[in-house]
Amino acid sequence: MSKWLILLLLIFSAGVNAQTAPSATPTPQPTPNQDVERQRQMMERREMDNAFGRLDAVRRSTARARPIPRAVLLNIKDIYRNATTDEKASLQPEKQDLNDLKDFLRQKDTGIVRLVDNSDCGSSAYVISADPKCLKYTMPGSGSLFSFRKGDYSIDRVADIRFRDGGFEVAGVMQHGILTGLGDIEIDKVSISTPGMKFLTDFVPSRDIVSAREAGRELQAGIDRGGFYYRQELNAVEKMTYALRAVAYQGTVLRSFNGVVYDELDFDKRLDIIVAFRVIRLHDDGSVTIAWKRLAKKSSPTLKRGDTPDGTVNDNRFVARKRPGAESDQ
């Protein structure tokens, strides 16, 4: 009897415990709005992960974690090459001009170059126009662009100056250029202390993209100082001598060639220079011959990008490029 009583008590106790044990909290079903929000957050995280992944791939490629194949590297170098002897001969200054300037050209950091208005030919480093005038001059920039930093023809993105629409304009990415007309002064008489040079020598290079753009807008509008006019484009006038301050900033400009990402500035001489050049002759075919000499040269500063996207082409132009056919005021 006592055994049965004990058994009944055990069964009753187990039943009571089963009824009073707390049940697990049910998981609430997500509402439609919560589903949408969760999907949006997942998409944002995925996009952010992809963006960081692309940026990391770019950085690793730029850091040469994956060496650029030799064949591709040679093709990239060819974009930024110097003009060949034959190419220079196709756009040679007049013999009379070469003879008149022979003593000047023996001096250090001097030169003479003939530029042609091929404004529609030198814009792309990858595509060659089928226009006969573009095929005639096969040097980088199709004969219309020049780099005083390396003393040779160049493509638009790493040039210092372009001849277009009968005038000179600054060129290049990650670069400030300031032009002014000094007057009818013989090129060998120009020095860093010539009237009109002070604004150029006093110009303080920018340290970040934001201030660089602000300076670019001011220069594009033009600055009148001390009887001289400073801007980014001026008419070409025969027997006029000009001065140029070109600040080619250090930094990173990422480009892609055949799927390989590289830093374009690795293939350029990034310097801060002051140059004087004189229009020796305006030719009947619309080209111009200039004699030039470099008056000052130093290392250029590095531009900090701040919050701007790294390596995008649009962030590397401080001002809008001049439209073909637009007039230039001297």
C-alpha atoms as a PDB file:
ATOM      1  CA  MET A   1       0.000   0.000   0.000  1.00  0.00           C
ATOM      2  CA  SER A   2       2.760   2.427   0.937  1.00  0.00           C
ATOM      3  CA  LYS A   3       4.530   1.638  -2.355  1.00  0.00           C
ATOM      4  CA  TRP A   4       1.431   2.581  -4.355  1.00  0.00           C
ATOM      5  CA  LEU A   5       1.052   5.781  -2.358  1.00  0.00           C
ATOM      6  CA  ILE A   6       4.642   6.805  -3.042  1.00  0.00           C
ATOM      7  CA  LEU A   7       4.196   6.050  -6.776  1.00  0.00           C
ATOM      8  CA  LEU A   8       1.049   8.229  -6.946  1.00  0.00           C
ATOM      9  CA  LEU A   9       2.827  11.097  -5.217  1.00  0.00           C
ATOM     10  CA  LEU A  10       5.719  10.940  -7.709  1.00  0.00           C
ATOM     11  CA  ILE A  11       3.364  10.965 -10.712  1.00  0.00           C
ATOM     12  CA  PHE A  12       1.399  13.938  -9.297  1.00  0.00           C
ATOM     13  CA  SER A  13       4.619  15.898  -8.629  1.00  0.00           C
ATOM     14  CA  ALA A  14       5.909  15.343 -12.177  1.00  0.00           C
ATOM     15  CA  GLY A  15       2.596  16.538 -13.629  1.00  0.00           C
ATOM     16  CA  VAL A  16       2.632  19.720 -11.560  1.00  0.00           C
ATOM     17  CA  ASN A  17       6.226  20.510 -12.569  1.00  0.00           C
ATOM     18  CA  ALA A  18       5.414  19.961 -16.245  1.00  0.00           C
ATOM     19  CA  GLN A  19       2.520  22.433 -16.026  1.00  0.00           C
ATOM     20  CA  THR A  20       4.484  25.161 -14.190  1.00  0.00           C
ATOM     21  CA  ALA A  21       7.753  25.013 -16.230  1.00  0.00           C
ATOM     22  CA  PRO A  22       8.231  28.258 -18.248  1.00  0.00           C
ATOM     23  CA  SER A  23       7.820  27.805 -21.979  1.00  0.00           C
ATOM     24  CA  ALA A  24      10.331  29.233 -24.495  1.00  0.00           C
ATOM     25  CA  THR A  25       9.543  32.729 -25.781  1.00  0.00           C
ATOM     26  CA  PRO A  26       8.233  32.387 -29.337  1.00  0.00           C
ATOM     27  CA  THR A  27      10.288  34.105 -32.059  1.00  0.00           C
ATOM     28  CA  PRO A  28       8.272  37.025 -33.434  1.00  0.00           C
ATOM     29  CA  GLN A  29       7.564  36.840 -37.120  1.00  0.00           C
ATOM     30  CA  PRO A  30       9.094  39.746 -39.041  1.00  0.00           C
ATOM     31  CA  THR A  31       6.692  42.285 -40.450  1.00  0.00           C
ATOM     32  CA  PRO A  32       6.879  43.181 -44.164  1.00  0.00           C
ATOM     33  CA  ASN A  33       8.578  46.482 -43.269  1.00  0.00           C
ATOM     34  CA  GLN A  34      11.178  44.686 -41.189  1.00  0.00           C
ATOM     35  CA  ASP A  35      11.851  42.312 -44.078  1.00  0.00           C
ATOM     36  CA  VAL A  36      12.454  45.237 -46.427  1.00  0.00           C
ATOM     37  CA  GLU A  37      14.729  46.981 -43.924  1.00  0.00           C
ATOM     38  CA  ARG A  38      16.727  43.818 -43.299  1.00  0.00           C
ATOM     39  CA  GLN A  39      17.177  43.251 -47.036  1.00  0.00           C
ATOM     40  CA  ARG A  40      18.240  46.881 -47.502  1.00  0.00           C
ATOM     41  CA  GLN A  41      20.841  46.572 -44.744  1.00  0.00           C
ATOM     42  CA  MET A  42      22.143  43.335 -46.240  1.00  0.00           C
ATOM     43  CA  MET A  43      22.457  44.978 -49.662  1.00  0.00           C
ATOM     44  CA  GLU A  44      24.285  47.968 -48.179  1.00  0.00           C
ATOM     45  CA  ARG A  45      26.711  45.685 -46.361  1.00  0.00           C
ATOM     46  CA  ARG A  46      27.251  43.685 -49.537  1.00  0.00           C
ATOM     47  CA  GLU A  47      27.877  46.833 -51.591  1.00  0.00           C
ATOM     48  CA  MET A  48      30.262  48.152 -48.948  1.00  0.00           C
ATOM     49  CA  ASP A  49      32.141  44.851 -48.866  1.00  0.00           C
ATOM     50  CA  ASN A  50      32.400  44.907 -52.666  1.00  0.00           C
ATOM     51  CA  ALA A  51      33.619  48.511 -52.636  1.00  0.00           C
ATOM     52  CA  PHE A  52      36.283  47.750 -50.050  1.00  0.00           C
ATOM     53  CA  GLY A  53      37.217  44.673 -52.038  1.00  0.00           C
ATOM     54  CA  ARG A  54      37.703  46.703 -55.213  1.00  0.00           C
ATOM     55  CA  LEU A  55      39.689  49.346 -53.350  1.00  0.00           C
ATOM     56  CA  ASP A  56      41.867  46.698 -51.756  1.00  0.00           C
ATOM     57  CA  ALA A  57      42.501  45.122 -55.152  1.00  0.00           C
ATOM     58  CA  VAL A  58      43.505  48.493 -56.555  1.00  0.00           C
ATOM     59  CA  ARG A  59      45.839  49.190 -53.653  1.00  0.00           C
ATOM     60  CA  ARG A  60      47.446  45.782 -53.901  1.00  0.00           C
ATOM     61  CA  SER A  61      47.919  46.190 -57.638  1.00  0.00           C
ATOM     62  CA  THR A  62      49.345  49.684 -57.176  1.00  0.00           C
ATOM     63  CA  ALA A  63      51.683  48.392 -54.490  1.00  0.00           C
ATOM     64  CA  ARG A  64      52.890  45.855 -57.048  1.00  0.00           C
ATOM     65  CA  ALA A  65      51.675  42.948 -54.948  1.00  0.00           C
ATOM     66  CA  ARG A  66      50.910  41.465 -58.344  1.00  0.00           C
ATOM     67  CA  PRO A  67      53.640  42.514 -60.776  1.00  0.00           C
ATOM     68  CA  ILE A  68      52.410  43.984 -64.052  1.00  0.00           C
ATOM     69  CA  PRO A  69      53.131  41.562 -66.910  1.00  0.00           C
ATOM     70  CA  ARG A  70      56.113  42.742 -68.915  1.00  0.00           C
ATOM     71  CA  ALA A  71      54.184  42.943 -72.190  1.00  0.00           C
ATOM     72  CA  VAL A  72      51.493  45.115 -70.588  1.00  0.00           C
ATOM     73  CA  LEU A  73      54.108  47.281 -68.862  1.00  0.00           C
ATOM     74  CA  LEU A  74      55.816  47.967 -72.189  1.00  0.00           C
ATOM     75  CA  ASN A  75      52.487  49.005 -73.694  1.00  0.00           C
ATOM     76  CA  ILE A  76      51.814  51.326 -70.759  1.00  0.00           C
ATOM     77  CA  LYS A  77      55.273  52.895 -71.022  1.00  0.00           C
ATOM     78  CA  ASP A  78      54.674  53.464 -74.728  1.00  0.00           C
ATOM     79  CA  ILE A  79      51.735  55.745 -73.862  1.00  0.00           C
ATOM     80  CA  TYR A  80      54.088  58.090 -71.983  1.00  0.00           C
ATOM     81  CA  ARG A  81      57.091  57.793 -74.300  1.00  0.00           C
ATOM     82  CA  ASN A  82      59.158  60.592 -75.805  1.00  0.00           C
ATOM     83  CA  ALA A  83      58.829  61.507 -79.459  1.00  0.00           C
ATOM     84  CA  THR A  84      61.199  59.754 -81.840  1.00  0.00           C
ATOM     85  CA  THR A  85      63.765  61.574 -83.973  1.00  0.00           C
ATOM     86  CA  ASP A  86      61.650  61.018 -87.085  1.00  0.00           C
ATOM     87  CA  GLU A  87      58.532  62.324 -85.351  1.00  0.00           C
ATOM     88  CA  LYS A  88      60.333  65.491 -84.278  1.00  0.00           C
ATOM     89  CA  ALA A  89      61.661  65.940 -87.808  1.00  0.00           C
ATOM     90  CA  SER A  90      58.087  65.942 -89.125  1.00  0.00           C
ATOM     91  CA  LEU A  91      57.414  69.114 -87.107  1.00  0.00           C
ATOM     92  CA  GLN A  92      60.770  70.842 -87.313  1.00  0.00           C
ATOM     93  CA  PRO A  93      61.236  74.603 -86.682  1.00  0.00           C
ATOM     94  CA  GLU A  94      62.512  76.732 -89.566  1.00  0.00           C
ATOM     95  CA  LYS A  95      66.265  76.518 -90.198  1.00  0.00           C
ATOM     96  CA  GLN A  96      66.508  80.290 -89.874  1.00  0.00           C
ATOM     97  CA  ASP A  97      65.016  80.156 -86.373  1.00  0.00           C
ATOM     98  CA  LEU A  98      67.365  77.363 -85.344  1.00  0.00           C
ATOM     99  CA  ASN A  99      70.334  79.334 -86.615  1.00  0.00           C
ATOM    100  CA  ASP A 100      69.258  82.571 -84.905  1.00  0.00           C
ATOM    101  CA  LEU A 101      68.904  80.769 -81.574  1.00  0.00           C
ATOM    102  CA  LYS A 102      71.935  78.481 -81.762  1.00  0.00           C
ATOM    103  CA  ASP A 103      73.795  80.259 -78.947  1.00  0.00           C
ATOM    104  CA  PHE A 104      70.712  80.342 -76.754  1.00  0.00           C
ATOM    105  CA  LEU A 105      70.036  76.645 -77.327  1.00  0.00           C
ATOM    106  CA  ARG A 106      73.517  75.760 -76.079  1.00  0.00           C
ATOM    107  CA  GLN A 107      72.498  76.930 -72.621  1.00  0.00           C
ATOM    108  CA  LYS A 108      71.210  74.540 -69.986  1.00  0.00           C
ATOM    109  CA  ASP A 109      67.449  73.933 -69.649  1.00  0.00           C
ATOM    110  CA  THR A 110      66.557  75.575 -72.963  1.00  0.00           C
ATOM    111  CA  GLY A 111      64.813  74.327 -76.062  1.00  0.00           C
ATOM    112  CA  ILE A 112      62.785  75.078 -79.152  1.00  0.00           C
ATOM    113  CA  VAL A 113      59.648  73.282 -80.290  1.00  0.00           C
ATOM    114  CA  ARG A 114      57.013  73.618 -82.952  1.00  0.00           C
ATOM    115  CA  LEU A 115      53.415  72.942 -81.959  1.00  0.00           C
ATOM    116  CA  VAL A 116      50.455  72.327 -84.232  1.00  0.00           C
ATOM    117  CA  ASP A 117      46.766  72.807 -83.474  1.00  0.00           C
ATOM    118  CA  ASN A 118      45.634  69.193 -83.302  1.00  0.00           C
ATOM    119  CA  SER A 119      43.210  69.752 -80.444  1.00  0.00           C
ATOM    120  CA  ASP A 120      41.002  66.839 -81.473  1.00  0.00           C
ATOM    121  CA  CYS A 121      43.874  64.384 -81.866  1.00  0.00           C
ATOM    122  CA  GLY A 122      45.783  64.280 -78.585  1.00  0.00           C
ATOM    123  CA  SER A 123      42.937  63.824 -76.109  1.00  0.00           C
ATOM    124  CA  SER A 124      43.119  60.038 -75.892  1.00  0.00           C
ATOM    125  CA  ALA A 125      46.195  57.999 -75.118  1.00  0.00           C
ATOM    126  CA  TYR A 126      44.514  54.813 -76.342  1.00  0.00           C
ATOM    127  CA  VAL A 127      42.634  55.809 -79.504  1.00  0.00           C
ATOM    128  CA  ILE A 128      44.240  57.284 -82.614  1.00  0.00           C
ATOM    129  CA  SER A 129      41.943  59.316 -84.838  1.00  0.00           C
ATOM    130  CA  ALA A 130      41.760  58.369 -88.513  1.00  0.00           C
ATOM    131  CA  ASP A 131      41.753  62.045 -89.461  1.00  0.00           C
ATOM    132  CA  PRO A 132      44.702  62.643 -91.859  1.00  0.00           C
ATOM    133  CA  LYS A 133      45.982  65.570 -89.774  1.00  0.00           C
ATOM    134  CA  CYS A 134      46.144  63.269 -86.736  1.00  0.00           C
ATOM    135  CA  LEU A 135      47.933  60.511 -88.625  1.00  0.00           C
ATOM    136  CA  LYS A 136      50.506  62.992 -89.913  1.00  0.00           C
ATOM    137  CA  TYR A 137      51.954  63.639 -86.455  1.00  0.00           C
ATOM    138  CA  THR A 138      52.290  60.404 -84.519  1.00  0.00           C
ATOM    139  CA  MET A 139      54.174  61.689 -81.482  1.00  0.00           C
ATOM    140  CA  PRO A 140      52.365  61.710 -78.099  1.00  0.00           C
ATOM    141  CA  GLY A 141      49.740  64.456 -78.150  1.00  0.00           C
ATOM    142  CA  SER A 142      49.836  64.617 -81.974  1.00  0.00           C
ATOM    143  CA  GLY A 143      52.167  67.609 -81.864  1.00  0.00           C
ATOM    144  CA  SER A 144      49.875  69.946 -79.931  1.00  0.00           C
ATOM    145  CA  LEU A 145      50.986  69.172 -76.357  1.00  0.00           C
ATOM    146  CA  PHE A 146      54.331  69.710 -74.653  1.00  0.00           C
ATOM    147  CA  SER A 147      55.900  68.981 -71.275  1.00  0.00           C
ATOM    148  CA  PHE A 148      58.536  71.485 -70.155  1.00  0.00           C
ATOM    149  CA  ARG A 149      59.299  69.160 -67.251  1.00  0.00           C
ATOM    150  CA  LYS A 150      60.666  66.472 -69.528  1.00  0.00           C
ATOM    151  CA  GLY A 151      61.352  68.719 -72.546  1.00  0.00           C
ATOM    152  CA  ASP A 152      59.327  66.733 -75.039  1.00  0.00           C
ATOM    153  CA  TYR A 153      55.945  66.204 -76.639  1.00  0.00           C
ATOM    154  CA  SER A 154      53.437  64.567 -74.336  1.00  0.00           C
ATOM    155  CA  ILE A 155      49.878  63.332 -74.024  1.00  0.00           C
ATOM    156  CA  ASP A 156      47.276  65.643 -72.535  1.00  0.00           C
ATOM    157  CA  ARG A 157      47.157  64.104 -69.067  1.00  0.00           C
ATOM    158  CA  VAL A 158      50.835  64.677 -68.270  1.00  0.00           C
ATOM    159  CA  ALA A 159      51.572  67.728 -70.440  1.00  0.00           C
ATOM    160  CA  ASP A 160      52.175  71.291 -69.232  1.00  0.00           C
ATOM    161  CA  ILE A 161      50.805  73.236 -72.187  1.00  0.00           C
ATOM    162  CA  ARG A 162      48.557  72.791 -75.204  1.00  0.00           C
ATOM    163  CA  PHE A 163      48.372  74.845 -78.408  1.00  0.00           C
ATOM    164  CA  ARG A 164      44.757  75.121 -79.516  1.00  0.00           C
ATOM    165  CA  ASP A 165      42.554  77.633 -81.348  1.00  0.00           C
ATOM    166  CA  GLY A 166      45.472  80.003 -81.815  1.00  0.00           C
ATOM    167  CA  GLY A 167      46.351  80.126 -78.148  1.00  0.00           C
ATOM    168  CA  PHE A 168      48.115  78.433 -75.265  1.00  0.00           C
ATOM    169  CA  GLU A 169      46.354  76.705 -72.404  1.00  0.00           C
ATOM    170  CA  VAL A 170      47.551  74.715 -69.440  1.00  0.00           C
ATOM    171  CA  ALA A 171      47.114  70.952 -69.456  1.00  0.00           C
ATOM    172  CA  GLY A 172      47.634  67.941 -67.218  1.00  0.00           C
ATOM    173  CA  VAL A 173      45.899  66.183 -64.339  1.00  0.00           C
ATOM    174  CA  MET A 174      46.661  66.876 -60.672  1.00  0.00           C
ATOM    175  CA  GLN A 175      48.317  70.056 -61.859  1.00  0.00           C
ATOM    176  CA  HIS A 176      48.080  73.836 -61.521  1.00  0.00           C
ATOM    177  CA  GLY A 177      49.235  75.984 -64.408  1.00  0.00           C
ATOM    178  CA  ILE A 178      49.454  79.790 -64.444  1.00  0.00           C
ATOM    179  CA  LEU A 179      50.187  81.728 -67.634  1.00  0.00           C
ATOM    180  CA  THR A 180      51.025  85.399 -68.100  1.00  0.00           C
ATOM    181  CA  GLY A 181      52.344  87.579 -70.912  1.00  0.00           C
ATOM    182  CA  LEU A 182      55.586  89.418 -70.116  1.00  0.00           C
ATOM    183  CA  GLY A 183      55.762  91.505 -73.294  1.00  0.00           C
ATOM    184  CA  ASP A 184      58.219  91.718 -76.174  1.00  0.00           C
ATOM    185  CA  ILE A 185      61.320  90.590 -74.277  1.00  0.00           C
ATOM    186  CA  GLU A 186      64.077  88.484 -75.812  1.00  0.00           C
ATOM    187  CA  ILE A 187      63.975  85.025 -74.290  1.00  0.00           C
ATOM    188  CA  ASP A 188      67.610  85.113 -73.180  1.00  0.00           C
ATOM    189  CA  LYS A 189      66.920  88.315 -71.222  1.00  0.00           C
ATOM    190  CA  VAL A 190      64.161  86.838 -69.050  1.00  0.00           C
ATOM    191  CA  SER A 191      64.999  85.903 -65.466  1.00  0.00           C
ATOM    192  CA  ILE A 192      63.137  84.975 -62.309  1.00  0.00           C
ATOM    193  CA  SER A 193      63.184  88.667 -61.316  1.00  0.00           C
ATOM    194  CA  THR A 194      61.669  89.974 -64.566  1.00  0.00           C
ATOM    195  CA  PRO A 195      58.546  92.119 -63.950  1.00  0.00           C
ATOM    196  CA  GLY A 196      55.495  89.875 -63.922  1.00  0.00           C
ATOM    197  CA  MET A 197      57.295  86.943 -62.284  1.00  0.00           C
ATOM    198  CA  LYS A 198      56.532  87.843 -58.672  1.00  0.00           C
ATOM    199  CA  PHE A 199      52.981  86.493 -58.700  1.00  0.00           C
ATOM    200  CA  LEU A 200      54.266  83.212 -60.108  1.00  0.00           C
ATOM    201  CA  THR A 201      57.063  82.872 -57.554  1.00  0.00           C
ATOM    202  CA  ASP A 202      54.740  83.835 -54.675  1.00  0.00           C
ATOM    203  CA  PHE A 203      52.024  81.336 -55.634  1.00  0.00           C
ATOM    204  CA  VAL A 204      51.621  78.813 -52.810  1.00  0.00           C
ATOM    205  CA  PRO A 205      50.745  75.303 -54.039  1.00  0.00           C
ATOM    206  CA  SER A 206      47.668  73.650 -52.569  1.00  0.00           C
ATOM    207  CA  ARG A 207      47.815  70.836 -50.045  1.00  0.00           C
ATOM    208  CA  ASP A 208      44.462  69.156 -50.672  1.00  0.00           C
ATOM    209  CA  ILE A 209      41.951  68.644 -53.467  1.00  0.00           C
ATOM    210  CA  VAL A 210      39.403  71.126 -52.093  1.00  0.00           C
ATOM    211  CA  SER A 211      41.822  74.066 -51.970  1.00  0.00           C
ATOM    212  CA  ALA A 212      43.288  73.012 -55.332  1.00  0.00           C
ATOM    213  CA  ARG A 213      39.867  73.264 -56.947  1.00  0.00           C
ATOM    214  CA  GLU A 214      39.255  76.671 -55.398  1.00  0.00           C
ATOM    215  CA  ALA A 215      42.588  77.926 -56.726  1.00  0.00           C
ATOM    216  CA  GLY A 216      41.790  76.417 -60.118  1.00  0.00           C
ATOM    217  CA  ARG A 217      38.496  78.298 -60.334  1.00  0.00           C
ATOM    218  CA  GLU A 218      40.221  81.592 -59.484  1.00  0.00           C
ATOM    219  CA  LEU A 219      42.887  81.032 -62.112  1.00  0.00           C
ATOM    220  CA  GLN A 220      40.341  80.047 -64.724  1.00  0.00           C
ATOM    221  CA  ALA A 221      38.491  83.314 -64.134  1.00  0.00           C
ATOM    222  CA  GLY A 222      41.763  85.257 -64.354  1.00  0.00           C
ATOM    223  CA  ILE A 223      43.669  87.372 -61.845  1.00  0.00           C
ATOM    224  CA  ASP A 224      44.801  90.941 -62.537  1.00  0.00           C
ATOM    225  CA  ARG A 225      47.807  91.807 -60.396  1.00  0.00           C
ATOM    226  CA  GLY A 226      50.430  94.541 -60.742  1.00  0.00           C
ATOM    227  CA  GLY A 227      49.607  95.301 -64.352  1.00  0.00           C
ATOM    228  CA  PHE A 228      49.847  91.647 -65.432  1.00  0.00           C
ATOM    229  CA  TYR A 229      47.035  89.214 -66.160  1.00  0.00           C
ATOM    230  CA  TYR A 230      47.319  85.634 -64.890  1.00  0.00           C
ATOM    231  CA  ARG A 231      45.102  82.850 -66.143  1.00  0.00           C
ATOM    232  CA  GLN A 232      45.068  79.392 -67.688  1.00  0.00           C
ATOM    233  CA  GLU A 233      44.793  80.306 -71.357  1.00  0.00           C
ATOM    234  CA  LEU A 234      46.206  83.142 -73.472  1.00  0.00           C
ATOM    235  CA  ASN A 235      46.326  84.021 -77.161  1.00  0.00           C
ATOM    236  CA  ALA A 236      49.529  83.271 -79.064  1.00  0.00           C
ATOM    237  CA  VAL A 237      51.083  86.537 -80.296  1.00  0.00           C
ATOM    238  CA  GLU A 238      54.221  86.626 -82.412  1.00  0.00           C
ATOM    239  CA  LYS A 239      57.259  88.084 -80.607  1.00  0.00           C
ATOM    240  CA  MET A 240      55.438  87.871 -77.274  1.00  0.00           C
ATOM    241  CA  THR A 241      57.225  86.256 -74.323  1.00  0.00           C
ATOM    242  CA  TYR A 242      55.223  84.346 -71.734  1.00  0.00           C
ATOM    243  CA  ALA A 243      55.863  82.820 -68.334  1.00  0.00           C
ATOM    244  CA  LEU A 244      54.350  79.655 -66.908  1.00  0.00           C
ATOM    245  CA  ARG A 245      54.282  78.271 -63.380  1.00  0.00           C
ATOM    246  CA  ALA A 246      53.400  74.584 -63.557  1.00  0.00           C
ATOM    247  CA  VAL A 247      52.887  72.646 -60.336  1.00  0.00           C
ATOM    248  CA  ALA A 248      52.519  68.948 -61.117  1.00  0.00           C
ATOM    249  CA  TYR A 249      51.453  67.576 -57.749  1.00  0.00           C
ATOM    250  CA  GLN A 250      52.583  64.285 -56.306  1.00  0.00           C
ATOM    251  CA  GLY A 251      49.790  61.831 -55.604  1.00  0.00           C
ATOM    252  CA  THR A 252      47.962  58.936 -57.175  1.00  0.00           C
ATOM    253  CA  VAL A 253      46.005  58.855 -60.421  1.00  0.00           C
ATOM    254  CA  LEU A 254      44.843  55.321 -61.053  1.00  0.00           C
ATOM    255  CA  ARG A 255      44.316  54.144 -64.626  1.00  0.00           C
ATOM    256  CA  SER A 256      43.532  50.797 -66.159  1.00  0.00           C
ATOM    257  CA  PHE A 257      45.070  49.205 -69.234  1.00  0.00           C
ATOM    258  CA  ASN A 258      44.018  45.744 -70.413  1.00  0.00           C
ATOM    259  CA  GLY A 259      42.557  45.092 -66.975  1.00  0.00           C
ATOM    260  CA  VAL A 260      45.756  46.090 -65.157  1.00  0.00           C
ATOM    261  CA  VAL A 261      45.501  48.998 -62.720  1.00  0.00           C
ATOM    262  CA  TYR A 262      48.514  51.309 -62.466  1.00  0.00           C
ATOM    263  CA  ASP A 263      49.425  54.739 -61.102  1.00  0.00           C
ATOM    264  CA  GLU A 264      49.736  57.129 -64.038  1.00  0.00           C
ATOM    265  CA  LEU A 265      52.013  59.461 -62.104  1.00  0.00           C
ATOM    266  CA  ASP A 266      54.664  56.723 -61.904  1.00  0.00           C
ATOM    267  CA  PHE A 267      55.312  57.475 -65.587  1.00  0.00           C
ATOM    268  CA  ASP A 268      55.692  61.249 -65.239  1.00  0.00           C
ATOM    269  CA  LYS A 269      58.198  63.709 -63.768  1.00  0.00           C
ATOM    270  CA  ARG A 270      56.189  65.467 -61.059  1.00  0.00           C
ATOM    271  CA  LEU A 271      57.881  68.825 -60.525  1.00  0.00           C
ATOM    272  CA  ASP A 272      57.122  72.435 -59.662  1.00  0.00           C
ATOM    273  CA  ILE A 273      58.656  74.605 -62.399  1.00  0.00           C
ATOM    274  CA  ILE A 274      58.733  78.157 -63.739  1.00  0.00           C
ATOM    275  CA  VAL A 275      59.316  78.487 -67.476  1.00  0.00           C
ATOM    276  CA  ALA A 276      59.613  81.401 -69.902  1.00  0.00           C
ATOM    277  CA  PHE A 277      58.806  80.872 -73.581  1.00  0.00           C
ATOM    278  CA  ARG A 278      58.679  83.174 -76.591  1.00  0.00           C
ATOM    279  CA  VAL A 279      56.637  82.915 -79.786  1.00  0.00           C
ATOM    280  CA  ILE A 280      59.349  82.911 -82.444  1.00  0.00           C
ATOM    281  CA  ARG A 281      57.075  82.345 -85.412  1.00  0.00           C
ATOM    282  CA  LEU A 282      53.414  81.852 -86.282  1.00  0.00           C
ATOM    283  CA  HIS A 283      53.456  79.669 -89.391  1.00  0.00           C
ATOM    284  CA  ASP A 284      51.102  79.895 -92.357  1.00  0.00           C
ATOM    285  CA  ASP A 285      49.820  76.376 -91.627  1.00  0.00           C
ATOM    286  CA  GLY A 286      48.569  77.493 -88.197  1.00  0.00           C
ATOM    287  CA  SER A 287      51.429  76.000 -86.181  1.00  0.00           C
ATOM    288  CA  VAL A 288      53.657  77.948 -83.794  1.00  0.00           C
ATOM    289  CA  THR A 289      57.355  77.783 -82.900  1.00  0.00           C
ATOM    290  CA  ILE A 290      58.366  78.678 -79.360  1.00  0.00           C
ATOM    291  CA  ALA A 291      61.770  78.940 -77.701  1.00  0.00           C
ATOM    292  CA  TRP A 292      61.764  78.178 -73.991  1.00  0.00           C
ATOM    293  CA  LYS A 293      63.955  78.053 -70.931  1.00  0.00           C
ATOM    294  CA  ARG A 294      63.338  76.707 -67.461  1.00  0.00           C
ATOM    295  CA  LEU A 295      64.035  79.301 -64.770  1.00  0.00           C
ATOM    296  CA  ALA A 296      63.261  77.326 -61.610  1.00  0.00           C
ATOM    297  CA  LYS A 297      62.664  73.717 -60.650  1.00  0.00           C
ATOM    298  CA  LYS A 298      61.876  71.976 -57.371  1.00  0.00           C
ATOM    299  CA  SER A 299      59.988  69.011 -55.985  1.00  0.00           C
ATOM    300  CA  SER A 300      56.235  69.404 -55.940  1.00  0.00           C
ATOM    301  CA  PRO A 301      54.072  68.731 -52.859  1.00  0.00           C
ATOM    302  CA  THR A 302      51.685  65.832 -52.440  1.00  0.00           C
ATOM    303  CA  LEU A 303      47.974  66.569 -52.644  1.00  0.00           C
ATOM    304  CA  LYS A 304      45.812  65.069 -49.920  1.00  0.00           C
ATOM    305  CA  ARG A 305      42.534  63.807 -51.270  1.00  0.00           C
ATOM    306  CA  GLY A 306      40.526  64.016 -48.044  1.00  0.00           C
ATOM    307  CA  ASP A 307      37.074  62.520 -48.530  1.00  0.00           C
ATOM    308  CA  THR A 308      37.177  62.440 -52.332  1.00  0.00           C
ATOM    309  CA  PRO A 309      37.060  59.044 -54.070  1.00  0.00           C
ATOM    310  CA  ASP A 310      40.545  57.743 -54.676  1.00  0.00           C
ATOM    311  CA  GLY A 311      41.758  57.517 -58.230  1.00  0.00           C
ATOM    312  CA  THR A 312      38.701  58.680 -60.137  1.00  0.00           C
ATOM    313  CA  VAL A 313      39.395  60.657 -63.273  1.00  0.00           C
ATOM    314  CA  ASN A 314      36.914  63.459 -62.516  1.00  0.00           C
ATOM    315  CA  ASP A 315      38.663  64.283 -59.258  1.00  0.00           C
ATOM    316  CA  ASN A 316      41.949  64.982 -61.006  1.00  0.00           C
ATOM    317  CA  ARG A 317      40.867  67.986 -63.081  1.00  0.00           C
ATOM    318  CA  PHE A 318      40.799  71.142 -60.979  1.00  0.00           C
ATOM    319  CA  VAL A 319      38.816  73.111 -63.571  1.00  0.00           C
ATOM    320  CA  ALA A 320      36.637  72.428 -66.564  1.00  0.00           C
ATOM    321  CA  ARG A 321      38.544  71.970 -69.776  1.00  0.00           C
ATOM    322  CA  LYS A 322      38.189  74.635 -72.435  1.00  0.00           C
ATOM    323  CA  ARG A 323      35.620  73.817 -75.092  1.00  0.00           C
ATOM    324  CA  PRO A 324      36.937  73.603 -78.648  1.00  0.00           C
ATOM    325  CA  GLY A 325      36.229  76.838 -80.457  1.00  0.00           C
ATOM    326  CA  ALA A 326      36.028  78.931 -77.298  1.00  0.00           C
ATOM    327  CA  GLU A 327      37.760  82.283 -77.543  1.00  0.00           C
ATOM    328  CA  SER A 328      40.815  83.113 -75.464  1.00  0.00           C
ATOM    329  CA  ASP A 329      41.380  86.554 -74.009  1.00  0.00           C
ATOM    330  CA  GLN A 330      44.914  87.728 -73.619  1.00  0.00           C
END
